[in-house]
């Protein structure tokens, strides 16, 4: 599956637009990790626990979007974007969305 943030794909032409595809993941922070992160934030610098959690969440949402696009018959996703929103205290949703399409090599 080809996934790009651009509205087109050089060397390929869109033969069918299938519509919106998306994947999301909701995560909450672990109390123990939150305490450790709070202590680290006092000293400044990167909080590796949150960096790792966000990376895993992005990959999970991206995998879900790709599966959604495949189920629609797509072989590519154009204009992919990530967005986040806070749902509850210490709980956030990460969503990735784009346009599921069928592409073929350009003539």
C-alpha atoms as a PDB file:
ATOM      1  CA  UNK A   1       0.000   0.000   0.000  1.00  0.00           C
ATOM      2  CA  UNK A   2       1.374   3.393  -0.978  1.00  0.00           C
ATOM      3  CA  UNK A   3       0.607   6.135   1.559  1.00  0.00           C
ATOM      4  CA  UNK A   4       1.554   9.751   0.844  1.00  0.00           C
ATOM      5  CA  UNK A   5       0.728  13.154   2.274  1.00  0.00           C
ATOM      6  CA  UNK A   6       0.594  14.700  -1.184  1.00  0.00           C
ATOM      7  CA  UNK A   7      -2.581  15.048  -3.268  1.00  0.00           C
ATOM      8  CA  UNK A   8      -1.055  13.134  -6.169  1.00  0.00           C
ATOM      9  CA  UNK A   9       1.510  10.440  -6.812  1.00  0.00           C
ATOM     10  CA  UNK A  10       4.246  11.136  -9.376  1.00  0.00           C
ATOM     11  CA  UNK A  11       4.474   8.433 -12.026  1.00  0.00           C
ATOM     12  CA  UNK A  12       1.001   7.116 -11.233  1.00  0.00           C
ATOM     13  CA  UNK A  13      -2.466   8.166 -12.256  1.00  0.00           C
ATOM     14  CA  UNK A  14      -5.588   7.839 -10.190  1.00  0.00           C
ATOM     15  CA  UNK A  15      -8.109   5.597 -11.958  1.00  0.00           C
ATOM     16  CA  UNK A  16     -10.678   5.461  -9.173  1.00  0.00           C
ATOM     17  CA  UNK A  17     -11.382   7.487  -6.041  1.00  0.00           C
ATOM     18  CA  UNK A  18     -12.925   5.259  -3.383  1.00  0.00           C
ATOM     19  CA  UNK A  19     -13.418   7.871  -0.676  1.00  0.00           C
ATOM     20  CA  UNK A  20     -12.320   8.710   2.837  1.00  0.00           C
ATOM     21  CA  UNK A  21     -10.341   6.135   4.782  1.00  0.00           C
ATOM     22  CA  UNK A  22      -9.188   6.455   8.354  1.00  0.00           C
ATOM     23  CA  UNK A  23      -7.721   4.723  11.355  1.00  0.00           C
ATOM     24  CA  UNK A  24      -7.635   5.799  14.960  1.00  0.00           C
ATOM     25  CA  UNK A  25      -6.264   4.798  18.334  1.00  0.00           C
ATOM     26  CA  UNK A  26      -7.148   6.035  21.802  1.00  0.00           C
ATOM     27  CA  UNK A  27      -4.528   5.854  24.514  1.00  0.00           C
ATOM     28  CA  UNK A  28      -4.302   6.825  28.139  1.00  0.00           C
ATOM     29  CA  UNK A  29      -1.141   7.450  30.082  1.00  0.00           C
ATOM     30  CA  UNK A  30      -0.038   4.875  32.628  1.00  0.00           C
ATOM     31  CA  UNK A  31       0.005   6.383  36.126  1.00  0.00           C
ATOM     32  CA  UNK A  32       3.519   5.113  36.834  1.00  0.00           C
ATOM     33  CA  UNK A  33       4.873   6.436  33.566  1.00  0.00           C
ATOM     34  CA  UNK A  34       3.105   9.756  34.125  1.00  0.00           C
ATOM     35  CA  UNK A  35       4.853  10.174  37.468  1.00  0.00           C
ATOM     36  CA  UNK A  36       8.220   9.344  35.931  1.00  0.00           C
ATOM     37  CA  UNK A  37       7.525  11.721  33.032  1.00  0.00           C
ATOM     38  CA  UNK A  38       6.538  14.509  35.439  1.00  0.00           C
ATOM     39  CA  UNK A  39       9.817  14.090  37.281  1.00  0.00           C
ATOM     40  CA  UNK A  40      11.778  14.129  34.020  1.00  0.00           C
ATOM     41  CA  UNK A  41       9.949  17.253  32.843  1.00  0.00           C
ATOM     42  CA  UNK A  42      11.355  19.149  35.834  1.00  0.00           C
ATOM     43  CA  UNK A  43      14.848  18.705  34.443  1.00  0.00           C
ATOM     44  CA  UNK A  44      13.814  19.402  30.845  1.00  0.00           C
ATOM     45  CA  UNK A  45      14.574  17.419  27.724  1.00  0.00           C
ATOM     46  CA  UNK A  46      12.820  14.606  25.925  1.00  0.00           C
ATOM     47  CA  UNK A  47      10.377  12.386  27.796  1.00  0.00           C
ATOM     48  CA  UNK A  48      11.166   9.055  26.134  1.00  0.00           C
ATOM     49  CA  UNK A  49       8.147   7.263  27.641  1.00  0.00           C
ATOM     50  CA  UNK A  50       5.743   9.604  25.854  1.00  0.00           C
ATOM     51  CA  UNK A  51       7.769   9.592  22.650  1.00  0.00           C
ATOM     52  CA  UNK A  52       7.570   5.790  22.510  1.00  0.00           C
ATOM     53  CA  UNK A  53       3.858   5.746  23.374  1.00  0.00           C
ATOM     54  CA  UNK A  54       3.050   8.279  20.651  1.00  0.00           C
ATOM     55  CA  UNK A  55       5.127   6.400  18.067  1.00  0.00           C
ATOM     56  CA  UNK A  56       3.248   3.166  18.847  1.00  0.00           C
ATOM     57  CA  UNK A  57      -0.079   4.990  18.678  1.00  0.00           C
ATOM     58  CA  UNK A  58       0.768   6.532  15.280  1.00  0.00           C
ATOM     59  CA  UNK A  59       1.757   3.132  13.866  1.00  0.00           C
ATOM     60  CA  UNK A  60      -1.428   1.513  15.158  1.00  0.00           C
ATOM     61  CA  UNK A  61      -3.636   4.253  13.660  1.00  0.00           C
ATOM     62  CA  UNK A  62      -1.724   4.081  10.358  1.00  0.00           C
ATOM     63  CA  UNK A  63      -2.092   0.281  10.206  1.00  0.00           C
ATOM     64  CA  UNK A  64      -5.827   0.638  10.815  1.00  0.00           C
ATOM     65  CA  UNK A  65      -6.172   3.244   8.052  1.00  0.00           C
ATOM     66  CA  UNK A  66      -4.325   0.988   5.606  1.00  0.00           C
ATOM     67  CA  UNK A  67      -6.599  -1.924   6.510  1.00  0.00           C
ATOM     68  CA  UNK A  68      -9.647   0.314   6.018  1.00  0.00           C
ATOM     69  CA  UNK A  69      -8.368   1.365   2.569  1.00  0.00           C
ATOM     70  CA  UNK A  70      -7.607  -2.239   1.576  1.00  0.00           C
ATOM     71  CA  UNK A  71     -11.118  -3.293   2.535  1.00  0.00           C
ATOM     72  CA  UNK A  72     -12.383  -0.632   0.117  1.00  0.00           C
ATOM     73  CA  UNK A  73     -10.214  -2.039  -2.704  1.00  0.00           C
ATOM     74  CA  UNK A  74      -7.549   0.701  -2.666  1.00  0.00           C
ATOM     75  CA  UNK A  75      -3.894   0.277  -3.509  1.00  0.00           C
ATOM     76  CA  UNK A  76      -2.896   3.792  -2.405  1.00  0.00           C
ATOM     77  CA  UNK A  77      -3.869   6.542   0.008  1.00  0.00           C
ATOM     78  CA  UNK A  78      -3.427  10.180  -0.937  1.00  0.00           C
ATOM     79  CA  UNK A  79      -3.376  13.313   1.241  1.00  0.00           C
ATOM     80  CA  UNK A  80      -2.841  11.450   4.525  1.00  0.00           C
ATOM     81  CA  UNK A  81      -3.023  13.623   7.649  1.00  0.00           C
ATOM     82  CA  UNK A  82      -2.707  13.004  11.379  1.00  0.00           C
ATOM     83  CA  UNK A  83      -4.795  14.767  14.014  1.00  0.00           C
ATOM     84  CA  UNK A  84      -5.142  14.434  17.769  1.00  0.00           C
ATOM     85  CA  UNK A  85      -7.765  15.344  20.309  1.00  0.00           C
ATOM     86  CA  UNK A  86      -8.024  15.035  24.062  1.00  0.00           C
ATOM     87  CA  UNK A  87     -10.959  12.920  25.152  1.00  0.00           C
ATOM     88  CA  UNK A  88     -10.604  12.718  28.943  1.00  0.00           C
ATOM     89  CA  UNK A  89      -7.933  13.755  31.359  1.00  0.00           C
ATOM     90  CA  UNK A  90      -4.840  11.727  30.402  1.00  0.00           C
ATOM     91  CA  UNK A  91      -6.643  10.172  27.404  1.00  0.00           C
ATOM     92  CA  UNK A  92      -6.139  11.192  23.789  1.00  0.00           C
ATOM     93  CA  UNK A  93      -7.200  10.028  20.352  1.00  0.00           C
ATOM     94  CA  UNK A  94      -4.883  10.009  17.371  1.00  0.00           C
ATOM     95  CA  UNK A  95      -6.552   9.705  13.976  1.00  0.00           C
ATOM     96  CA  UNK A  96      -5.026   9.449  10.541  1.00  0.00           C
ATOM     97  CA  UNK A  97      -7.160   9.946   7.448  1.00  0.00           C
ATOM     98  CA  UNK A  98      -6.763  10.256   3.717  1.00  0.00           C
ATOM     99  CA  UNK A  99      -8.314   9.465   0.360  1.00  0.00           C
ATOM    100  CA  UNK A 100      -8.402   5.807  -0.667  1.00  0.00           C
ATOM    101  CA  UNK A 101      -7.683   5.446  -4.384  1.00  0.00           C
ATOM    102  CA  UNK A 102      -6.752   2.954  -7.062  1.00  0.00           C
ATOM    103  CA  UNK A 103      -3.672   4.002  -9.005  1.00  0.00           C
ATOM    104  CA  UNK A 104      -1.838   2.573 -11.989  1.00  0.00           C
ATOM    105  CA  UNK A 105       1.414   3.519 -13.688  1.00  0.00           C
ATOM    106  CA  UNK A 106       1.098   6.678 -15.764  1.00  0.00           C
ATOM    107  CA  UNK A 107       1.394   6.173 -19.520  1.00  0.00           C
END
